Amino acid sequence: MFSYALLEPGCYYLVQEKENEPVVMIHVSVVSDYCMYVHRYGETETMEWKKKTDSIHDILELLSDNVVREWQEVYNSSEGTYDYEEGEE
């Protein structure tokens, strides 16, 4: 078991927050004395405050800058792909 306190601001991680849950990518944006503001990229993107003491089942990987750049290209190119009404091209 790990906690959010191990994560560094400005970094992207692949984590499994609870056992048998899907892997999600998180980005630590802001760190205060007791909490962290994180972006979660799973099925949807969410932003939330987490206590540093909140548990993480597994920290799978700290993503390199190159991997983050590649992910951003894919993520940004697919944004809005499904946001059209029937009959639109």
Protein backbone atom coordinates (compact mmCIF):
# COMPACT_ATOMS: atom_id res chain seq x y z
CA MET A 1 0.00 0.00 0.00
CA PHE A 2 1.19 3.48 -0.91
CA SER A 3 -0.10 6.99 -0.23
CA TYR A 4 -0.43 10.18 -2.24
CA ALA A 5 2.39 11.70 -0.16
CA LEU A 6 4.87 9.72 -2.29
CA LEU A 7 3.83 11.52 -5.49
CA GLU A 8 5.70 14.55 -6.80
CA PRO A 9 4.02 17.70 -8.15
CA GLY A 10 4.10 18.15 -11.91
CA CYS A 11 4.50 14.42 -12.54
CA TYR A 12 2.23 11.92 -14.28
CA TYR A 13 1.71 8.46 -12.79
CA LEU A 14 -0.11 5.27 -13.70
CA VAL A 15 -1.78 4.03 -10.54
CA GLN A 16 -4.31 1.52 -9.32
CA GLU A 17 -6.10 3.26 -6.48
CA LYS A 18 -7.84 0.14 -5.19
CA GLU A 19 -7.18 -3.52 -5.78
CA ASN A 20 -8.95 -4.92 -8.86
CA GLU A 21 -9.83 -1.45 -10.16
CA PRO A 22 -8.74 -0.19 -13.58
CA VAL A 23 -5.43 1.60 -14.01
CA VAL A 24 -5.75 5.37 -14.22
CA MET A 25 -3.30 8.11 -15.02
CA ILE A 26 -3.00 10.95 -12.54
CA HIS A 27 -1.18 14.27 -12.72
CA VAL A 28 -0.28 16.04 -9.48
CA SER A 29 -0.94 19.76 -10.00
CA VAL A 30 -0.76 21.39 -6.56
CA VAL A 31 0.62 20.28 -3.21
CA SER A 32 -0.30 21.88 0.12
CA ASP A 33 0.79 20.91 3.61
CA TYR A 34 -1.86 18.18 3.92
CA CYS A 35 -3.43 17.68 0.50
CA MET A 36 -2.78 17.36 -3.24
CA TYR A 37 -4.85 18.55 -6.19
CA VAL A 38 -4.80 15.85 -8.85
CA HIS A 39 -6.19 15.33 -12.35
CA ARG A 40 -7.44 11.78 -12.90
CA TYR A 41 -7.61 10.45 -16.44
CA GLY A 42 -9.73 7.31 -16.47
CA GLU A 43 -12.99 6.85 -18.32
CA THR A 44 -13.54 10.56 -17.70
CA GLU A 45 -11.24 13.36 -16.58
CA THR A 46 -11.76 14.53 -13.01
CA MET A 47 -9.97 17.01 -10.80
CA GLU A 48 -10.03 16.61 -7.05
CA TRP A 49 -8.23 17.21 -3.79
CA LYS A 50 -6.75 14.15 -2.09
CA LYS A 51 -5.27 13.90 1.39
CA LYS A 52 -1.61 12.99 1.35
CA THR A 53 -2.54 10.12 3.67
CA ASP A 54 -5.14 8.68 1.23
CA SER A 55 -4.06 5.24 0.11
CA ILE A 56 -3.08 4.04 -3.35
CA HIS A 57 -3.05 0.29 -3.89
CA ASP A 58 -0.19 0.39 -6.42
CA ILE A 59 1.93 3.03 -8.15
CA LEU A 60 2.69 1.25 -11.40
CA GLU A 61 4.85 3.81 -13.13
CA LEU A 62 6.14 7.38 -13.14
CA LEU A 63 5.68 8.37 -16.78
CA SER A 64 8.59 9.89 -18.70
CA ASP A 65 8.21 13.21 -20.51
CA ASN A 66 8.26 11.38 -23.86
CA VAL A 67 5.42 9.06 -22.88
CA VAL A 68 3.37 12.00 -21.56
CA ARG A 69 3.92 13.89 -24.81
CA GLU A 70 2.81 10.86 -26.86
CA TRP A 71 -0.26 10.42 -24.64
CA GLN A 72 -1.16 14.12 -24.97
CA GLU A 73 -1.04 13.86 -28.76
CA VAL A 74 -3.42 10.89 -28.74
CA TYR A 75 -5.68 12.37 -26.05
CA ASN A 76 -5.97 15.76 -27.74
CA SER A 77 -6.53 14.28 -31.20
CA SER A 78 -9.40 12.10 -29.95
CA GLU A 79 -11.09 14.84 -27.90
CA GLY A 80 -14.45 15.64 -29.39
CA THR A 81 -14.35 12.64 -31.72
CA TYR A 82 -17.70 11.45 -30.44
CA ASP A 83 -19.22 14.88 -29.82
CA TYR A 84 -21.47 15.19 -32.86
CA GLU A 85 -25.15 14.94 -33.43
CA GLU A 86 -26.71 12.41 -35.72
CA GLY A 87 -26.76 13.70 -39.28
CA GLU A 88 -23.60 15.80 -38.86
CA GLU A 89 -20.41 14.88 -40.67
